[in-house]
């Protein structure tokens, strides 16, 4: 192989390895999420506790390309204000508020 061929092969290998080795995976796309509000008025998204009024900000950070429906699971002893904080956060971000049925939001 000529010097020119070796250089071309090396350049191709470097270009191919540079394109795919360190690229982060694309963000996860979700269509629905569930926020639980417990009796202590703490909000949980998945398994992570979050501040109720920051639900939408957390969703935008985790799923930047998604516009999920957000279901809200309320404990019977949760206060009204915690639910309003979640609904206001979600609605202001343009996410649709889903249902309030805990059984349906866990499926």
N, C-alpha and C. Protein backbone atom coordinates (compact mmCIF):
# COMPACT_ATOMS: atom_id res chain seq x y z
N UNK A 1 0.85 -1.17 0.00
CA UNK A 1 0.00 0.00 0.00
C UNK A 1 0.89 1.23 0.00
N UNK A 2 0.49 2.21 -0.75
CA UNK A 2 1.29 3.43 -0.86
C UNK A 2 1.09 4.32 0.38
N UNK A 3 1.97 5.27 0.54
CA UNK A 3 1.89 6.21 1.66
C UNK A 3 0.58 6.97 1.62
N UNK A 4 0.19 7.32 0.44
CA UNK A 4 -1.06 8.04 0.27
C UNK A 4 -2.25 7.18 0.71
N UNK A 5 -2.21 5.90 0.40
CA UNK A 5 -3.28 4.98 0.80
C UNK A 5 -3.32 4.78 2.31
N UNK A 6 -2.15 4.71 2.94
CA UNK A 6 -2.07 4.55 4.39
C UNK A 6 -2.64 5.79 5.09
N UNK A 7 -2.27 6.95 4.59
CA UNK A 7 -2.76 8.20 5.18
C UNK A 7 -4.28 8.29 5.03
N UNK A 8 -4.79 7.92 3.86
CA UNK A 8 -6.23 7.95 3.63
C UNK A 8 -6.96 6.98 4.55
N UNK A 9 -6.41 5.79 4.75
CA UNK A 9 -7.01 4.80 5.63
C UNK A 9 -7.01 5.28 7.09
N UNK A 10 -5.89 5.85 7.51
CA UNK A 10 -5.80 6.37 8.88
C UNK A 10 -6.79 7.51 9.10
N UNK A 11 -6.90 8.39 8.13
CA UNK A 11 -7.83 9.51 8.23
C UNK A 11 -9.26 9.01 8.33
N UNK A 12 -9.60 8.02 7.56
CA UNK A 12 -10.94 7.44 7.59
C UNK A 12 -11.22 6.81 8.95
N UNK A 13 -10.26 6.06 9.49
CA UNK A 13 -10.44 5.44 10.80
C UNK A 13 -10.62 6.48 11.90
N UNK A 14 -9.82 7.52 11.88
CA UNK A 14 -9.93 8.58 12.88
C UNK A 14 -11.29 9.27 12.77
N UNK A 15 -11.72 9.55 11.55
CA UNK A 15 -13.00 10.22 11.34
C UNK A 15 -14.15 9.36 11.83
N UNK A 16 -14.13 8.07 11.54
CA UNK A 16 -15.20 7.18 11.99
C UNK A 16 -15.23 7.03 13.51
N UNK A 17 -14.06 6.91 14.12
CA UNK A 17 -14.04 6.74 15.57
C UNK A 17 -14.43 8.03 16.28
N UNK A 18 -14.14 9.18 15.70
CA UNK A 18 -14.49 10.46 16.32
C UNK A 18 -15.99 10.71 16.26
N UNK A 19 -16.65 10.17 15.27
CA UNK A 19 -18.08 10.42 15.11
C UNK A 19 -18.93 9.66 16.11
N UNK A 20 -18.54 8.49 16.51
CA UNK A 20 -19.45 7.67 17.28
C UNK A 20 -19.01 7.35 18.71
N UNK A 21 -17.78 7.59 19.08
CA UNK A 21 -17.30 7.10 20.35
C UNK A 21 -17.83 7.85 21.56
N UNK A 22 -17.91 9.17 21.51
CA UNK A 22 -18.27 9.94 22.69
C UNK A 22 -19.62 10.64 22.60
N UNK A 23 -20.41 10.34 21.59
CA UNK A 23 -21.70 11.00 21.46
C UNK A 23 -22.66 10.47 22.52
N UNK A 24 -23.34 11.37 23.22
CA UNK A 24 -24.32 10.91 24.20
C UNK A 24 -25.53 10.30 23.50
N UNK A 25 -26.21 9.40 24.17
CA UNK A 25 -27.41 8.84 23.55
C UNK A 25 -28.50 9.91 23.45
N UNK A 26 -29.41 9.76 22.51
CA UNK A 26 -30.48 10.77 22.40
C UNK A 26 -31.35 10.74 23.66
N UNK A 27 -31.97 11.87 24.01
CA UNK A 27 -32.80 11.90 25.21
C UNK A 27 -34.00 10.96 25.09
N UNK A 28 -34.39 10.40 26.21
CA UNK A 28 -35.55 9.52 26.25
C UNK A 28 -36.81 10.34 25.97
N UNK A 29 -37.71 9.77 25.19
CA UNK A 29 -38.98 10.43 24.90
C UNK A 29 -40.06 9.70 25.67
N UNK A 30 -40.86 10.44 26.44
CA UNK A 30 -41.95 9.85 27.19
C UNK A 30 -43.26 10.52 26.78
N UNK A 31 -44.35 9.78 26.87
CA UNK A 31 -45.66 10.32 26.52
C UNK A 31 -46.54 10.54 27.74
N UNK A 32 -46.19 9.90 28.85
CA UNK A 32 -46.95 10.10 30.08
C UNK A 32 -46.07 9.86 31.29
N UNK A 33 -46.32 10.61 32.33
CA UNK A 33 -45.60 10.48 33.59
C UNK A 33 -46.60 10.59 34.73
N UNK A 34 -46.20 10.10 35.89
CA UNK A 34 -47.06 10.18 37.05
C UNK A 34 -46.32 10.85 38.20
N UNK A 35 -46.98 11.81 38.82
CA UNK A 35 -46.46 12.48 40.00
C UNK A 35 -47.34 12.06 41.17
N UNK A 36 -46.72 11.58 42.24
CA UNK A 36 -47.46 11.18 43.42
C UNK A 36 -47.28 12.24 44.51
N UNK A 37 -48.38 12.56 45.18
CA UNK A 37 -48.33 13.49 46.32
C UNK A 37 -48.79 12.69 47.53
N UNK A 38 -47.88 12.53 48.50
CA UNK A 38 -48.20 11.69 49.66
C UNK A 38 -48.87 12.50 50.78
N UNK A 39 -49.15 11.83 51.88
CA UNK A 39 -49.85 12.45 53.00
C UNK A 39 -49.05 13.59 53.63
N UNK A 40 -47.73 13.59 53.46
CA UNK A 40 -46.89 14.69 53.98
C UNK A 40 -46.75 15.82 52.97
N UNK A 41 -47.50 15.72 51.85
CA UNK A 41 -47.47 16.72 50.78
C UNK A 41 -46.13 16.78 50.06
N UNK A 42 -45.42 15.65 50.03
CA UNK A 42 -44.18 15.53 49.28
C UNK A 42 -44.51 14.97 47.90
N UNK A 43 -43.87 15.50 46.88
CA UNK A 43 -44.10 15.04 45.51
C UNK A 43 -42.99 14.08 45.08
N UNK A 44 -43.39 13.07 44.34
CA UNK A 44 -42.44 12.09 43.82
C UNK A 44 -42.71 11.89 42.34
N UNK A 45 -41.65 12.00 41.54
CA UNK A 45 -41.72 11.71 40.11
C UNK A 45 -40.91 10.45 39.90
N UNK A 46 -41.57 9.38 39.55
CA UNK A 46 -40.90 8.08 39.48
C UNK A 46 -40.51 7.66 40.88
N UNK A 47 -39.22 7.61 41.16
CA UNK A 47 -38.74 7.26 42.50
C UNK A 47 -38.00 8.41 43.16
N UNK A 48 -38.04 9.59 42.54
CA UNK A 48 -37.29 10.74 43.03
C UNK A 48 -38.21 11.77 43.67
N UNK A 49 -37.90 12.16 44.89
CA UNK A 49 -38.65 13.24 45.54
C UNK A 49 -38.25 14.56 44.93
N UNK A 50 -39.26 15.39 44.66
CA UNK A 50 -39.01 16.71 44.08
C UNK A 50 -39.92 17.73 44.75
N UNK A 51 -39.58 19.00 44.60
CA UNK A 51 -40.43 20.08 45.10
C UNK A 51 -41.64 20.17 44.18
N UNK A 52 -42.83 20.19 44.76
CA UNK A 52 -44.05 20.13 43.96
C UNK A 52 -44.15 21.22 42.90
N UNK A 53 -43.76 22.45 43.22
CA UNK A 53 -43.88 23.54 42.24
C UNK A 53 -42.81 23.46 41.14
N UNK A 54 -41.86 22.51 41.26
CA UNK A 54 -40.80 22.37 40.27
C UNK A 54 -40.96 21.12 39.40
N UNK A 55 -42.14 20.54 39.42
CA UNK A 55 -42.38 19.32 38.64
C UNK A 55 -42.05 19.53 37.17
N UNK A 56 -42.58 20.57 36.57
CA UNK A 56 -42.35 20.81 35.14
C UNK A 56 -40.88 21.04 34.82
N UNK A 57 -40.18 21.77 35.68
CA UNK A 57 -38.75 22.02 35.44
C UNK A 57 -37.96 20.72 35.46
N UNK A 58 -38.30 19.83 36.37
CA UNK A 58 -37.61 18.54 36.44
C UNK A 58 -37.91 17.72 35.19
N UNK A 59 -39.17 17.73 34.76
CA UNK A 59 -39.55 16.98 33.55
C UNK A 59 -38.80 17.53 32.34
N UNK A 60 -38.74 18.85 32.21
CA UNK A 60 -38.04 19.45 31.06
C UNK A 60 -36.55 19.10 31.07
N UNK A 61 -35.96 19.02 32.26
CA UNK A 61 -34.54 18.69 32.36
C UNK A 61 -34.29 17.23 31.99
N UNK A 62 -35.12 16.35 32.51
CA UNK A 62 -34.94 14.91 32.24
C UNK A 62 -35.34 14.50 30.84
N UNK A 63 -36.39 15.10 30.32
CA UNK A 63 -36.97 14.70 29.03
C UNK A 63 -37.15 15.93 28.14
N UNK A 64 -36.06 16.53 27.69
CA UNK A 64 -36.15 17.82 26.97
C UNK A 64 -36.92 17.78 25.66
N UNK A 65 -37.07 16.63 25.06
CA UNK A 65 -37.78 16.55 23.79
C UNK A 65 -39.19 16.01 23.93
N UNK A 66 -39.66 15.83 25.16
CA UNK A 66 -40.98 15.24 25.40
C UNK A 66 -42.01 16.28 25.83
N UNK A 67 -43.26 16.00 25.54
CA UNK A 67 -44.41 16.78 26.01
C UNK A 67 -45.40 15.78 26.63
N UNK A 68 -45.03 15.19 27.77
CA UNK A 68 -45.86 14.11 28.32
C UNK A 68 -47.14 14.62 29.00
N UNK A 69 -48.12 13.72 29.02
CA UNK A 69 -49.30 13.95 29.87
C UNK A 69 -48.85 13.63 31.28
N UNK A 70 -49.23 14.45 32.25
CA UNK A 70 -48.81 14.25 33.62
C UNK A 70 -50.02 13.87 34.47
N UNK A 71 -50.03 12.63 34.93
CA UNK A 71 -51.07 12.16 35.84
C UNK A 71 -50.65 12.49 37.26
N UNK A 72 -51.62 12.80 38.11
CA UNK A 72 -51.33 13.16 39.49
C UNK A 72 -52.03 12.17 40.42
N UNK A 73 -51.25 11.50 41.23
CA UNK A 73 -51.78 10.53 42.19
C UNK A 73 -51.77 11.19 43.57
N UNK A 74 -52.95 11.48 44.08
CA UNK A 74 -53.08 12.17 45.36
C UNK A 74 -53.39 11.20 46.49
N UNK A 75 -52.62 11.27 47.54
CA UNK A 75 -52.97 10.56 48.76
C UNK A 75 -54.22 11.24 49.33
N UNK A 76 -55.08 10.47 49.98
CA UNK A 76 -56.32 11.03 50.52
C UNK A 76 -56.05 12.13 51.54
N UNK A 77 -54.90 12.10 52.22
CA UNK A 77 -54.58 13.11 53.24
C UNK A 77 -53.75 14.27 52.69
N UNK A 78 -53.45 14.27 51.39
CA UNK A 78 -52.65 15.36 50.80
C UNK A 78 -53.45 16.65 50.82
N UNK A 79 -52.76 17.75 50.98
CA UNK A 79 -53.46 19.04 51.01
C UNK A 79 -53.69 19.55 49.59
N UNK A 80 -54.72 20.33 49.46
CA UNK A 80 -55.13 20.89 48.18
C UNK A 80 -54.02 21.71 47.54
N UNK A 81 -53.29 22.49 48.33
CA UNK A 81 -52.27 23.39 47.81
C UNK A 81 -51.15 22.67 47.07
N UNK A 82 -50.77 21.48 47.55
CA UNK A 82 -49.72 20.71 46.88
C UNK A 82 -50.17 20.30 45.47
N UNK A 83 -51.41 19.89 45.34
CA UNK A 83 -51.95 19.51 44.03
C UNK A 83 -52.00 20.72 43.10
N UNK A 84 -52.38 21.88 43.65
CA UNK A 84 -52.44 23.10 42.84
C UNK A 84 -51.04 23.50 42.36
N UNK A 85 -50.03 23.37 43.23
CA UNK A 85 -48.65 23.68 42.82
C UNK A 85 -48.23 22.81 41.64
N UNK A 86 -48.55 21.52 41.69
CA UNK A 86 -48.20 20.61 40.60
C UNK A 86 -48.97 20.99 39.34
N UNK A 87 -50.27 21.18 39.46
CA UNK A 87 -51.08 21.52 38.29
C UNK A 87 -50.63 22.83 37.65
N UNK A 88 -50.34 23.85 38.46
CA UNK A 88 -49.87 25.13 37.92
C UNK A 88 -48.53 24.98 37.21
N UNK A 89 -47.61 24.22 37.79
CA UNK A 89 -46.30 24.00 37.20
C UNK A 89 -46.44 23.30 35.86
N UNK A 90 -47.24 22.26 35.84
CA UNK A 90 -47.42 21.45 34.63
C UNK A 90 -48.12 22.26 33.54
N UNK A 91 -49.20 22.94 33.90
CA UNK A 91 -49.96 23.72 32.92
C UNK A 91 -49.13 24.88 32.36
N UNK A 92 -48.36 25.55 33.21
CA UNK A 92 -47.54 26.67 32.74
C UNK A 92 -46.47 26.22 31.75
N UNK A 93 -46.03 24.98 31.88
CA UNK A 93 -45.03 24.44 30.95
C UNK A 93 -45.65 23.91 29.66
N UNK A 94 -46.98 23.90 29.61
CA UNK A 94 -47.65 23.41 28.40
C UNK A 94 -47.86 21.92 28.36
N UNK A 95 -47.64 21.24 29.48
CA UNK A 95 -47.90 19.80 29.55
C UNK A 95 -49.36 19.58 29.90
N UNK A 96 -50.01 18.62 29.26
CA UNK A 96 -51.39 18.34 29.64
C UNK A 96 -51.46 17.62 30.98
N UNK A 97 -52.43 18.02 31.80
CA UNK A 97 -52.68 17.32 33.07
C UNK A 97 -53.59 16.15 32.75
N UNK A 98 -53.20 14.97 33.21
CA UNK A 98 -53.99 13.76 32.95
C UNK A 98 -55.03 13.54 34.01
N UNK A 99 -55.07 12.32 34.51
CA UNK A 99 -56.10 11.97 35.48
C UNK A 99 -55.55 12.01 36.90
N UNK A 100 -56.46 11.83 37.84
CA UNK A 100 -56.10 11.85 39.26
C UNK A 100 -56.35 10.49 39.90
N UNK A 101 -56.46 9.46 39.08
CA UNK A 101 -56.72 8.11 39.55
C UNK A 101 -55.39 7.39 39.75
N UNK A 102 -55.04 7.10 40.98
CA UNK A 102 -53.73 6.48 41.28
C UNK A 102 -53.57 5.13 40.61
N UNK A 103 -54.61 4.35 40.53
CA UNK A 103 -54.50 3.03 39.90
C UNK A 103 -54.21 3.16 38.42
N UNK A 104 -54.86 4.08 37.75
CA UNK A 104 -54.64 4.26 36.31
C UNK A 104 -53.27 4.81 36.01
N UNK A 105 -52.73 5.68 36.88
CA UNK A 105 -51.44 6.30 36.60
C UNK A 105 -50.28 5.38 36.86
N UNK A 106 -50.49 4.27 37.58
CA UNK A 106 -49.42 3.33 37.83
C UNK A 106 -49.25 2.31 36.72
N UNK A 107 -50.18 2.25 35.80
CA UNK A 107 -50.10 1.26 34.74
C UNK A 107 -49.19 1.69 33.62
